[in-house]
Amino acid sequence: RTSYRRAEREFAEIRRQHAEFLAR
């Protein structure tokens, strides 16, 4: 079971990495 807050943090990190990739 994954907590909701942990999933939120993971999703935010994925979005940040995606944005950095698009910038590159």
mmCIF file of all heavy atoms, coordinates in Angstrom:
data_MODEL
# 
_entry.id   MODEL 
# 
loop_
_atom_site.group_PDB 
_atom_site.id 
_atom_site.type_symbol 
_atom_site.label_atom_id 
_atom_site.label_alt_id 
_atom_site.label_comp_id 
_atom_site.label_asym_id 
_atom_site.label_entity_id 
_atom_site.label_seq_id 
_atom_site.pdbx_PDB_ins_code 
_atom_site.Cartn_x 
_atom_site.Cartn_y 
_atom_site.Cartn_z 
_atom_site.occupancy 
_atom_site.B_iso_or_equiv 
_atom_site.pdbx_formal_charge 
_atom_site.auth_seq_id 
_atom_site.auth_comp_id 
_atom_site.auth_asym_id 
_atom_site.auth_atom_id 
_atom_site.pdbx_PDB_model_num 
ATOM 1   N N   . ARG A 1 1  ? 0.836  -1.187 0.000   1.00 0.00 ? 1  ARG A N   1 
ATOM 2   C CA  . ARG A 1 1  ? 0.000  0.000  0.000   1.00 0.00 ? 1  ARG A CA  1 
ATOM 3   C C   . ARG A 1 1  ? 0.875  1.243  0.000   1.00 0.00 ? 1  ARG A C   1 
ATOM 4   O O   . ARG A 1 1  ? 1.798  1.366  0.785   1.00 0.00 ? 1  ARG A O   1 
ATOM 5   C CB  . ARG A 1 1  ? -0.854 -0.012 1.261   1.00 0.00 ? 1  ARG A CB  1 
ATOM 6   C CG  . ARG A 1 1  ? -2.170 0.577  1.072   1.00 0.00 ? 1  ARG A CG  1 
ATOM 7   C CD  . ARG A 1 1  ? -2.938 0.407  2.328   1.00 0.00 ? 1  ARG A CD  1 
ATOM 8   N NE  . ARG A 1 1  ? -4.293 0.123  1.921   1.00 0.00 ? 1  ARG A NE  1 
ATOM 9   C CZ  . ARG A 1 1  ? -5.286 0.040  2.742   1.00 0.00 ? 1  ARG A CZ  1 
ATOM 10  N NH1 . ARG A 1 1  ? -5.088 0.146  4.023   1.00 0.00 ? 1  ARG A NH1 1 
ATOM 11  N NH2 . ARG A 1 1  ? -6.478 -0.179 2.290   1.00 0.00 ? 1  ARG A NH2 1 
ATOM 12  N N   . THR A 1 2  ? 0.589  2.167  -0.910  1.00 0.00 ? 2  THR A N   1 
ATOM 13  C CA  . THR A 1 2  ? 1.336  3.404  -0.998  1.00 0.00 ? 2  THR A CA  1 
ATOM 14  C C   . THR A 1 2  ? 0.465  4.527  -0.469  1.00 0.00 ? 2  THR A C   1 
ATOM 15  O O   . THR A 1 2  ? -0.701 4.641  -0.825  1.00 0.00 ? 2  THR A O   1 
ATOM 16  C CB  . THR A 1 2  ? 1.707  3.695  -2.463  1.00 0.00 ? 2  THR A CB  1 
ATOM 17  O OG1 . THR A 1 2  ? 2.393  2.573  -2.981  1.00 0.00 ? 2  THR A OG1 1 
ATOM 18  C CG2 . THR A 1 2  ? 2.577  4.921  -2.578  1.00 0.00 ? 2  THR A CG2 1 
ATOM 19  N N   . SER A 1 3  ? 1.061  5.333  0.372   1.00 0.00 ? 3  SER A N   1 
ATOM 20  C CA  . SER A 1 3  ? 0.278  6.434  0.927   1.00 0.00 ? 3  SER A CA  1 
ATOM 21  C C   . SER A 1 3  ? 0.002  7.475  -0.142  1.00 0.00 ? 3  SER A C   1 
ATOM 22  O O   . SER A 1 3  ? 0.746  7.632  -1.108  1.00 0.00 ? 3  SER A O   1 
ATOM 23  C CB  . SER A 1 3  ? 1.021  7.068  2.105   1.00 0.00 ? 3  SER A CB  1 
ATOM 24  O OG  . SER A 1 3  ? 2.102  7.830  1.621   1.00 0.00 ? 3  SER A OG  1 
ATOM 25  N N   . TYR A 1 4  ? -1.065 8.219  0.038   1.00 0.00 ? 4  TYR A N   1 
ATOM 26  C CA  . TYR A 1 4  ? -1.470 9.242  -0.919  1.00 0.00 ? 4  TYR A CA  1 
ATOM 27  C C   . TYR A 1 4  ? -0.422 10.337 -1.005  1.00 0.00 ? 4  TYR A C   1 
ATOM 28  O O   . TYR A 1 4  ? -0.073 10.784 -2.077  1.00 0.00 ? 4  TYR A O   1 
ATOM 29  C CB  . TYR A 1 4  ? -2.832 9.812  -0.497  1.00 0.00 ? 4  TYR A CB  1 
ATOM 30  C CG  . TYR A 1 4  ? -3.315 10.917 -1.386  1.00 0.00 ? 4  TYR A CG  1 
ATOM 31  C CD1 . TYR A 1 4  ? -3.797 10.638 -2.654  1.00 0.00 ? 4  TYR A CD1 1 
ATOM 32  C CD2 . TYR A 1 4  ? -3.271 12.234 -0.967  1.00 0.00 ? 4  TYR A CD2 1 
ATOM 33  C CE1 . TYR A 1 4  ? -4.231 11.651 -3.489  1.00 0.00 ? 4  TYR A CE1 1 
ATOM 34  C CE2 . TYR A 1 4  ? -3.704 13.253 -1.785  1.00 0.00 ? 4  TYR A CE2 1 
ATOM 35  C CZ  . TYR A 1 4  ? -4.192 12.955 -3.039  1.00 0.00 ? 4  TYR A CZ  1 
ATOM 36  O OH  . TYR A 1 4  ? -4.618 13.967 -3.858  1.00 0.00 ? 4  TYR A OH  1 
ATOM 37  N N   . ARG A 1 5  ? 0.125  10.761 0.124   1.00 0.00 ? 5  ARG A N   1 
ATOM 38  C CA  . ARG A 1 5  ? 1.124  11.837 0.121   1.00 0.00 ? 5  ARG A CA  1 
ATOM 39  C C   . ARG A 1 5  ? 2.416  11.390 -0.570  1.00 0.00 ? 5  ARG A C   1 
ATOM 40  O O   . ARG A 1 5  ? 3.041  12.158 -1.282  1.00 0.00 ? 5  ARG A O   1 
ATOM 41  C CB  . ARG A 1 5  ? 1.413  12.300 1.543   1.00 0.00 ? 5  ARG A CB  1 
ATOM 42  C CG  . ARG A 1 5  ? 0.249  13.034 2.165   1.00 0.00 ? 5  ARG A CG  1 
ATOM 43  C CD  . ARG A 1 5  ? 0.615  13.515 3.560   1.00 0.00 ? 5  ARG A CD  1 
ATOM 44  N NE  . ARG A 1 5  ? -0.565 13.907 4.279   1.00 0.00 ? 5  ARG A NE  1 
ATOM 45  C CZ  . ARG A 1 5  ? -0.998 15.145 4.362   1.00 0.00 ? 5  ARG A CZ  1 
ATOM 46  N NH1 . ARG A 1 5  ? -0.346 16.094 3.762   1.00 0.00 ? 5  ARG A NH1 1 
ATOM 47  N NH2 . ARG A 1 5  ? -2.087 15.433 5.019   1.00 0.00 ? 5  ARG A NH2 1 
ATOM 48  N N   . ARG A 1 6  ? 2.794  10.149 -0.342  1.00 0.00 ? 6  ARG A N   1 
ATOM 49  C CA  . ARG A 1 6  ? 3.999  9.641  -0.991  1.00 0.00 ? 6  ARG A CA  1 
ATOM 50  C C   . ARG A 1 6  ? 3.808  9.594  -2.503  1.00 0.00 ? 6  ARG A C   1 
ATOM 51  O O   . ARG A 1 6  ? 4.693  9.983  -3.270  1.00 0.00 ? 6  ARG A O   1 
ATOM 52  C CB  . ARG A 1 6  ? 4.329  8.260  -0.447  1.00 0.00 ? 6  ARG A CB  1 
ATOM 53  C CG  . ARG A 1 6  ? 5.567  7.663  -1.065  1.00 0.00 ? 6  ARG A CG  1 
ATOM 54  C CD  . ARG A 1 6  ? 5.908  6.347  -0.437  1.00 0.00 ? 6  ARG A CD  1 
ATOM 55  N NE  . ARG A 1 6  ? 6.970  5.710  -1.201  1.00 0.00 ? 6  ARG A NE  1 
ATOM 56  C CZ  . ARG A 1 6  ? 7.204  4.437  -1.210  1.00 0.00 ? 6  ARG A CZ  1 
ATOM 57  N NH1 . ARG A 1 6  ? 6.458  3.632  -0.481  1.00 0.00 ? 6  ARG A NH1 1 
ATOM 58  N NH2 . ARG A 1 6  ? 8.174  3.936  -1.924  1.00 0.00 ? 6  ARG A NH2 1 
ATOM 59  N N   . ALA A 1 7  ? 2.656  9.157  -2.951  1.00 0.00 ? 7  ALA A N   1 
ATOM 60  C CA  . ALA A 1 7  ? 2.356  9.110  -4.382  1.00 0.00 ? 7  ALA A CA  1 
ATOM 61  C C   . ALA A 1 7  ? 2.357  10.521 -4.974  1.00 0.00 ? 7  ALA A C   1 
ATOM 62  O O   . ALA A 1 7  ? 2.839  10.730 -6.091  1.00 0.00 ? 7  ALA A O   1 
ATOM 63  C CB  . ALA A 1 7  ? 1.012  8.439  -4.616  1.00 0.00 ? 7  ALA A CB  1 
ATOM 64  N N   . GLU A 1 8  ? 1.833  11.480 -4.221  1.00 0.00 ? 8  GLU A N   1 
ATOM 65  C CA  . GLU A 1 8  ? 1.827  12.870 -4.664  1.00 0.00 ? 8  GLU A CA  1 
ATOM 66  C C   . GLU A 1 8  ? 3.245  13.392 -4.848  1.00 0.00 ? 8  GLU A C   1 
ATOM 67  O O   . GLU A 1 8  ? 3.558  14.052 -5.838  1.00 0.00 ? 8  GLU A O   1 
ATOM 68  C CB  . GLU A 1 8  ? 1.103  13.739 -3.629  1.00 0.00 ? 8  GLU A CB  1 
ATOM 69  C CG  . GLU A 1 8  ? -0.145 14.358 -4.125  1.00 0.00 ? 8  GLU A CG  1 
ATOM 70  C CD  . GLU A 1 8  ? -0.785 15.236 -3.062  1.00 0.00 ? 8  GLU A CD  1 
ATOM 71  O OE1 . GLU A 1 8  ? -0.175 15.530 -2.008  1.00 0.00 ? 8  GLU A OE1 1 
ATOM 72  O OE2 . GLU A 1 8  ? -1.927 15.628 -3.288  1.00 0.00 ? 8  GLU A OE2 1 
ATOM 73  N N   . ARG A 1 9  ? 4.124  13.092 -3.888  1.00 0.00 ? 9  ARG A N   1 
ATOM 74  C CA  . ARG A 1 9  ? 5.520  13.525 -3.981  1.00 0.00 ? 9  ARG A CA  1 
ATOM 75  C C   . ARG A 1 9  ? 6.214  12.877 -5.184  1.00 0.00 ? 9  ARG A C   1 
ATOM 76  O O   . ARG A 1 9  ? 6.963  13.534 -5.907  1.00 0.00 ? 9  ARG A O   1 
ATOM 77  C CB  . ARG A 1 9  ? 6.266  13.187 -2.691  1.00 0.00 ? 9  ARG A CB  1 
ATOM 78  C CG  . ARG A 1 9  ? 5.958  14.101 -1.523  1.00 0.00 ? 9  ARG A CG  1 
ATOM 79  C CD  . ARG A 1 9  ? 6.925  13.885 -0.372  1.00 0.00 ? 9  ARG A CD  1 
ATOM 80  N NE  . ARG A 1 9  ? 7.046  12.487 0.031   1.00 0.00 ? 9  ARG A NE  1 
ATOM 81  C CZ  . ARG A 1 9  ? 6.327  11.901 1.003   1.00 0.00 ? 9  ARG A CZ  1 
ATOM 82  N NH1 . ARG A 1 9  ? 5.449  12.599 1.676   1.00 0.00 ? 9  ARG A NH1 1 
ATOM 83  N NH2 . ARG A 1 9  ? 6.508  10.640 1.290   1.00 0.00 ? 9  ARG A NH2 1 
ATOM 84  N N   . GLU A 1 10 ? 5.982  11.593 -5.391  1.00 0.00 ? 10 GLU A N   1 
ATOM 85  C CA  . GLU A 1 10 ? 6.598  10.901 -6.525  1.00 0.00 ? 10 GLU A CA  1 
ATOM 86  C C   . GLU A 1 10 ? 6.122  11.487 -7.855  1.00 0.00 ? 10 GLU A C   1 
ATOM 87  O O   . GLU A 1 10 ? 6.911  11.688 -8.778  1.00 0.00 ? 10 GLU A O   1 
ATOM 88  C CB  . GLU A 1 10 ? 6.299  9.407  -6.464  1.00 0.00 ? 10 GLU A CB  1 
ATOM 89  C CG  . GLU A 1 10 ? 7.023  8.691  -5.349  1.00 0.00 ? 10 GLU A CG  1 
ATOM 90  C CD  . GLU A 1 10 ? 6.609  7.237  -5.229  1.00 0.00 ? 10 GLU A CD  1 
ATOM 91  O OE1 . GLU A 1 10 ? 5.721  6.778  -5.991  1.00 0.00 ? 10 GLU A OE1 1 
ATOM 92  O OE2 . GLU A 1 10 ? 7.171  6.544  -4.365  1.00 0.00 ? 10 GLU A OE2 1 
ATOM 93  N N   . PHE A 1 11 ? 4.848  11.790 -7.921  1.00 0.00 ? 11 PHE A N   1 
ATOM 94  C CA  . PHE A 1 11 ? 4.299  12.352 -9.147  1.00 0.00 ? 11 PHE A CA  1 
ATOM 95  C C   . PHE A 1 11 ? 4.868  13.747 -9.395  1.00 0.00 ? 11 PHE A C   1 
ATOM 96  O O   . PHE A 1 11 ? 5.207  14.099 -10.537 1.00 0.00 ? 11 PHE A O   1 
ATOM 97  C CB  . PHE A 1 11 ? 2.767  12.407 -9.075  1.00 0.00 ? 11 PHE A CB  1 
ATOM 98  C CG  . PHE A 1 11 ? 2.126  12.885 -10.340 1.00 0.00 ? 11 PHE A CG  1 
ATOM 99  C CD1 . PHE A 1 11 ? 2.203  12.132 -11.506 1.00 0.00 ? 11 PHE A CD1 1 
ATOM 100 C CD2 . PHE A 1 11 ? 1.456  14.090 -10.380 1.00 0.00 ? 11 PHE A CD2 1 
ATOM 101 C CE1 . PHE A 1 11 ? 1.632  12.576 -12.679 1.00 0.00 ? 11 PHE A CE1 1 
ATOM 102 C CE2 . PHE A 1 11 ? 0.876  14.537 -11.547 1.00 0.00 ? 11 PHE A CE2 1 
ATOM 103 C CZ  . PHE A 1 11 ? 0.952  13.776 -12.697 1.00 0.00 ? 11 PHE A CZ  1 
ATOM 104 N N   . ALA A 1 12 ? 5.033  14.547 -8.365  1.00 0.00 ? 12 ALA A N   1 
ATOM 105 C CA  . ALA A 1 12 ? 5.617  15.879 -8.506  1.00 0.00 ? 12 ALA A CA  1 
ATOM 106 C C   . ALA A 1 12 ? 7.066  15.776 -8.991  1.00 0.00 ? 12 ALA A C   1 
ATOM 107 O O   . ALA A 1 12 ? 7.505  16.567 -9.833  1.00 0.00 ? 12 ALA A O   1 
ATOM 108 C CB  . ALA A 1 12 ? 5.538  16.637 -7.182  1.00 0.00 ? 12 ALA A CB  1 
ATOM 109 N N   . GLU A 1 13 ? 7.810  14.810 -8.474  1.00 0.00 ? 13 GLU A N   1 
ATOM 110 C CA  . GLU A 1 13 ? 9.194  14.618 -8.905  1.00 0.00 ? 13 GLU A CA  1 
ATOM 111 C C   . GLU A 1 13 ? 9.253  14.193 -10.377 1.00 0.00 ? 13 GLU A C   1 
ATOM 112 O O   . GLU A 1 13 ? 10.088 14.664 -11.148 1.00 0.00 ? 13 GLU A O   1 
ATOM 113 C CB  . GLU A 1 13 ? 9.885  13.576 -8.021  1.00 0.00 ? 13 GLU A CB  1 
ATOM 114 C CG  . GLU A 1 13 ? 11.298 13.227 -8.426  1.00 0.00 ? 13 GLU A CG  1 
ATOM 115 C CD  . GLU A 1 13 ? 12.259 14.420 -8.378  1.00 0.00 ? 13 GLU A CD  1 
ATOM 116 O OE1 . GLU A 1 13 ? 11.978 15.422 -7.680  1.00 0.00 ? 13 GLU A OE1 1 
ATOM 117 O OE2 . GLU A 1 13 ? 13.299 14.343 -9.054  1.00 0.00 ? 13 GLU A OE2 1 
ATOM 118 N N   . ILE A 1 14 ? 8.353  13.335 -10.788 1.00 0.00 ? 14 ILE A N   1 
ATOM 119 C CA  . ILE A 1 14 ? 8.305  12.901 -12.187 1.00 0.00 ? 14 ILE A CA  1 
ATOM 120 C C   . ILE A 1 14 ? 7.988  14.088 -13.089 1.00 0.00 ? 14 ILE A C   1 
ATOM 121 O O   . ILE A 1 14 ? 8.601  14.270 -14.137 1.00 0.00 ? 14 ILE A O   1 
ATOM 122 C CB  . ILE A 1 14 ? 7.268  11.761 -12.365 1.00 0.00 ? 14 ILE A CB  1 
ATOM 123 C CG1 . ILE A 1 14 ? 7.774  10.487 -11.684 1.00 0.00 ? 14 ILE A CG1 1 
ATOM 124 C CG2 . ILE A 1 14 ? 6.976  11.517 -13.843 1.00 0.00 ? 14 ILE A CG2 1 
ATOM 125 C CD1 . ILE A 1 14 ? 6.755  9.385  -11.604 1.00 0.00 ? 14 ILE A CD1 1 
ATOM 126 N N   . ARG A 1 15 ? 7.034  14.936 -12.696 1.00 0.00 ? 15 ARG A N   1 
ATOM 127 C CA  . ARG A 1 15 ? 6.697  16.115 -13.486 1.00 0.00 ? 15 ARG A CA  1 
ATOM 128 C C   . ARG A 1 15 ? 7.883  17.073 -13.580 1.00 0.00 ? 15 ARG A C   1 
ATOM 129 O O   . ARG A 1 15 ? 8.156  17.642 -14.629 1.00 0.00 ? 15 ARG A O   1 
ATOM 130 C CB  . ARG A 1 15 ? 5.488  16.849 -12.882 1.00 0.00 ? 15 ARG A CB  1 
ATOM 131 C CG  . ARG A 1 15 ? 4.196  16.097 -13.085 1.00 0.00 ? 15 ARG A CG  1 
ATOM 132 C CD  . ARG A 1 15 ? 2.992  16.917 -12.744 1.00 0.00 ? 15 ARG A CD  1 
ATOM 133 N NE  . ARG A 1 15 ? 3.224  17.907 -11.715 1.00 0.00 ? 15 ARG A NE  1 
ATOM 134 C CZ  . ARG A 1 15 ? 2.287  18.443 -10.963 1.00 0.00 ? 15 ARG A CZ  1 
ATOM 135 N NH1 . ARG A 1 15 ? 1.044  18.095 -11.124 1.00 0.00 ? 15 ARG A NH1 1 
ATOM 136 N NH2 . ARG A 1 15 ? 2.579  19.337 -10.047 1.00 0.00 ? 15 ARG A NH2 1 
ATOM 137 N N   . ARG A 1 16 ? 8.636  17.230 -12.490 1.00 0.00 ? 16 ARG A N   1 
ATOM 138 C CA  . ARG A 1 16 ? 9.802  18.101 -12.494 1.00 0.00 ? 16 ARG A CA  1 
ATOM 139 C C   . ARG A 1 16 ? 10.860 17.567 -13.452 1.00 0.00 ? 16 ARG A C   1 
ATOM 140 O O   . ARG A 1 16 ? 11.431 18.301 -14.259 1.00 0.00 ? 16 ARG A O   1 
ATOM 141 C CB  . ARG A 1 16 ? 10.376 18.237 -11.084 1.00 0.00 ? 16 ARG A CB  1 
ATOM 142 C CG  . ARG A 1 16 ? 11.525 19.264 -10.984 1.00 0.00 ? 16 ARG A CG  1 
ATOM 143 C CD  . ARG A 1 16 ? 12.249 19.175 -9.661  1.00 0.00 ? 16 ARG A CD  1 
ATOM 144 N NE  . ARG A 1 16 ? 12.921 17.893 -9.452  1.00 0.00 ? 16 ARG A NE  1 
ATOM 145 C CZ  . ARG A 1 16 ? 14.044 17.504 -10.091 1.00 0.00 ? 16 ARG A CZ  1 
ATOM 146 N NH1 . ARG A 1 16 ? 14.608 18.292 -10.961 1.00 0.00 ? 16 ARG A NH1 1 
ATOM 147 N NH2 . ARG A 1 16 ? 14.586 16.335 -9.848  1.00 0.00 ? 16 ARG A NH2 1 
ATOM 148 N N   . GLN A 1 17 ? 11.126 16.255 -13.397 1.00 0.00 ? 17 GLN A N   1 
ATOM 149 C CA  . GLN A 1 17 ? 12.116 15.651 -14.285 1.00 0.00 ? 17 GLN A CA  1 
ATOM 150 C C   . GLN A 1 17 ? 11.681 15.774 -15.754 1.00 0.00 ? 17 GLN A C   1 
ATOM 151 O O   . GLN A 1 17 ? 12.500 16.019 -16.636 1.00 0.00 ? 17 GLN A O   1 
ATOM 152 C CB  . GLN A 1 17 ? 12.330 14.184 -13.920 1.00 0.00 ? 17 GLN A CB  1 
ATOM 153 C CG  . GLN A 1 17 ? 13.040 13.987 -12.606 1.00 0.00 ? 17 GLN A CG  1 
ATOM 154 C CD  . GLN A 1 17 ? 13.092 12.521 -12.200 1.00 0.00 ? 17 GLN A CD  1 
ATOM 155 O OE1 . GLN A 1 17 ? 12.521 11.652 -12.855 1.00 0.00 ? 17 GLN A OE1 1 
ATOM 156 N NE2 . GLN A 1 17 ? 13.779 12.257 -11.093 1.00 0.00 ? 17 GLN A NE2 1 
ATOM 157 N N   . HIS A 1 18 ? 10.401 15.615 -15.980 1.00 0.00 ? 18 HIS A N   1 
ATOM 158 C CA  . HIS A 1 18 ? 9.876  15.749 -17.334 1.00 0.00 ? 18 HIS A CA  1 
ATOM 159 C C   . HIS A 1 18 ? 10.068 17.171 -17.852 1.00 0.00 ? 18 HIS A C   1 
ATOM 160 O O   . HIS A 1 18 ? 10.460 17.388 -19.003 1.00 0.00 ? 18 HIS A O   1 
ATOM 161 C CB  . HIS A 1 18 ? 8.401  15.345 -17.362 1.00 0.00 ? 18 HIS A CB  1 
ATOM 162 C CG  . HIS A 1 18 ? 7.802  15.374 -18.733 1.00 0.00 ? 18 HIS A CG  1 
ATOM 163 N ND1 . HIS A 1 18 ? 6.991  16.385 -19.151 1.00 0.00 ? 18 HIS A ND1 1 
ATOM 164 C CD2 . HIS A 1 18 ? 7.925  14.513 -19.779 1.00 0.00 ? 18 HIS A CD2 1 
ATOM 165 C CE1 . HIS A 1 18 ? 6.623  16.157 -20.396 1.00 0.00 ? 18 HIS A CE1 1 
ATOM 166 N NE2 . HIS A 1 18 ? 7.177  15.027 -20.808 1.00 0.00 ? 18 HIS A NE2 1 
ATOM 167 N N   . ALA A 1 19 ? 9.819  18.147 -17.032 1.00 0.00 ? 19 ALA A N   1 
ATOM 168 C CA  . ALA A 1 19 ? 9.986  19.544 -17.424 1.00 0.00 ? 19 ALA A CA  1 
ATOM 169 C C   . ALA A 1 19 ? 11.457 19.843 -17.719 1.00 0.00 ? 19 ALA A C   1 
ATOM 170 O O   . ALA A 1 19 ? 11.769 20.542 -18.691 1.00 0.00 ? 19 ALA A O   1 
ATOM 171 C CB  . ALA A 1 19 ? 9.467  20.470 -16.332 1.00 0.00 ? 19 ALA A CB  1 
ATOM 172 N N   . GLU A 1 20 ? 12.368 19.310 -16.918 1.00 0.00 ? 20 GLU A N   1 
ATOM 173 C CA  . GLU A 1 20 ? 13.790 19.509 -17.175 1.00 0.00 ? 20 GLU A CA  1 
ATOM 174 C C   . GLU A 1 20 ? 14.196 18.868 -18.498 1.00 0.00 ? 20 GLU A C   1 
ATOM 175 O O   . GLU A 1 20 ? 14.973 19.433 -19.263 1.00 0.00 ? 20 GLU A O   1 
ATOM 176 C CB  . GLU A 1 20 ? 14.621 18.933 -16.022 1.00 0.00 ? 20 GLU A CB  1 
ATOM 177 C CG  . GLU A 1 20 ? 14.559 19.750 -14.756 1.00 0.00 ? 20 GLU A CG  1 
ATOM 178 C CD  . GLU A 1 20 ? 15.313 19.092 -13.614 1.00 0.00 ? 20 GLU A CD  1 
ATOM 179 O OE1 . GLU A 1 20 ? 15.858 17.976 -13.805 1.00 0.00 ? 20 GLU A OE1 1 
ATOM 180 O OE2 . GLU A 1 20 ? 15.353 19.691 -12.532 1.00 0.00 ? 20 GLU A OE2 1 
ATOM 181 N N   . PHE A 1 21 ? 13.668 17.695 -18.751 1.00 0.00 ? 21 PHE A N   1 
ATOM 182 C CA  . PHE A 1 21 ? 13.963 17.015 -20.006 1.00 0.00 ? 21 PHE A CA  1 
ATOM 183 C C   . PHE A 1 21 ? 13.479 17.843 -21.193 1.00 0.00 ? 21 PHE A C   1 
ATOM 184 O O   . PHE A 1 21 ? 14.205 18.025 -22.170 1.00 0.00 ? 21 PHE A O   1 
ATOM 185 C CB  . PHE A 1 21 ? 13.313 15.629 -20.026 1.00 0.00 ? 21 PHE A CB  1 
ATOM 186 C CG  . PHE A 1 21 ? 13.388 14.959 -21.362 1.00 0.00 ? 21 PHE A CG  1 
ATOM 187 C CD1 . PHE A 1 21 ? 14.569 14.393 -21.799 1.00 0.00 ? 21 PHE A CD1 1 
ATOM 188 C CD2 . PHE A 1 21 ? 12.275 14.897 -22.188 1.00 0.00 ? 21 PHE A CD2 1 
ATOM 189 C CE1 . PHE A 1 21 ? 14.645 13.783 -23.041 1.00 0.00 ? 21 PHE A CE1 1 
ATOM 190 C CE2 . PHE A 1 21 ? 12.332 14.296 -23.421 1.00 0.00 ? 21 PHE A CE2 1 
ATOM 191 C CZ  . PHE A 1 21 ? 13.527 13.735 -23.843 1.00 0.00 ? 21 PHE A CZ  1 
ATOM 192 N N   . LEU A 1 22 ? 12.262 18.354 -21.127 1.00 0.00 ? 22 LEU A N   1 
ATOM 193 C CA  . LEU A 1 22 ? 11.733 19.174 -22.214 1.00 0.00 ? 22 LEU A CA  1 
ATOM 194 C C   . LEU A 1 22 ? 12.571 20.428 -22.416 1.00 0.00 ? 22 LEU A C   1 
ATOM 195 O O   . LEU A 1 22 ? 12.780 20.869 -23.546 1.00 0.00 ? 22 LEU A O   1 
ATOM 196 C CB  . LEU A 1 22 ? 10.275 19.548 -21.939 1.00 0.00 ? 22 LEU A CB  1 
ATOM 197 C CG  . LEU A 1 22 ? 9.268  18.403 -22.040 1.00 0.00 ? 22 LEU A CG  1 
ATOM 198 C CD1 . LEU A 1 22 ? 7.879  18.895 -21.683 1.00 0.00 ? 22 LEU A CD1 1 
ATOM 199 C CD2 . LEU A 1 22 ? 9.286  17.788 -23.421 1.00 0.00 ? 22 LEU A CD2 1 
ATOM 200 N N   . ALA A 1 23 ? 13.063 21.003 -21.333 1.00 0.00 ? 23 ALA A N   1 
ATOM 201 C CA  . ALA A 1 23 ? 13.899 22.197 -21.439 1.00 0.00 ? 23 ALA A CA  1 
ATOM 202 C C   . ALA A 1 23 ? 15.209 21.872 -22.154 1.00 0.00 ? 23 ALA A C   1 
ATOM 203 O O   . ALA A 1 23 ? 15.684 22.651 -22.974 1.00 0.00 ? 23 ALA A O   1 
ATOM 204 C CB  . ALA A 1 23 ? 14.183 22.776 -20.057 1.00 0.00 ? 23 ALA A CB  1 
ATOM 205 N N   . ARG A 1 24 ? 15.799 20.713 -21.863 1.00 0.00 ? 24 ARG A N   1 
ATOM 206 C CA  . ARG A 1 24 ? 17.031 20.321 -22.531 1.00 0.00 ? 24 ARG A CA  1 
ATOM 207 C C   . ARG A 1 24 ? 16.802 20.055 -24.013 1.00 0.00 ? 24 ARG A C   1 
ATOM 208 O O   . ARG A 1 24 ? 17.611 20.421 -24.856 1.00 0.00 ? 24 ARG A O   1 
ATOM 209 C CB  . ARG A 1 24 ? 17.630 19.087 -21.879 1.00 0.00 ? 24 ARG A CB  1 
ATOM 210 C CG  . ARG A 1 24 ? 18.461 19.429 -20.649 1.00 0.00 ? 24 ARG A CG  1 
ATOM 211 C CD  . ARG A 1 24 ? 19.101 18.207 -20.082 1.00 0.00 ? 24 ARG A CD  1 
ATOM 212 N NE  . ARG A 1 24 ? 18.077 17.570 -19.251 1.00 0.00 ? 24 ARG A NE  1 
ATOM 213 C CZ  . ARG A 1 24 ? 17.960 16.278 -19.045 1.00 0.00 ? 24 ARG A CZ  1 
ATOM 214 N NH1 . ARG A 1 24 ? 18.803 15.446 -19.574 1.00 0.00 ? 24 ARG A NH1 1 
ATOM 215 N NH2 . ARG A 1 24 ? 17.013 15.790 -18.295 1.00 0.00 ? 24 ARG A NH2 1 
# 
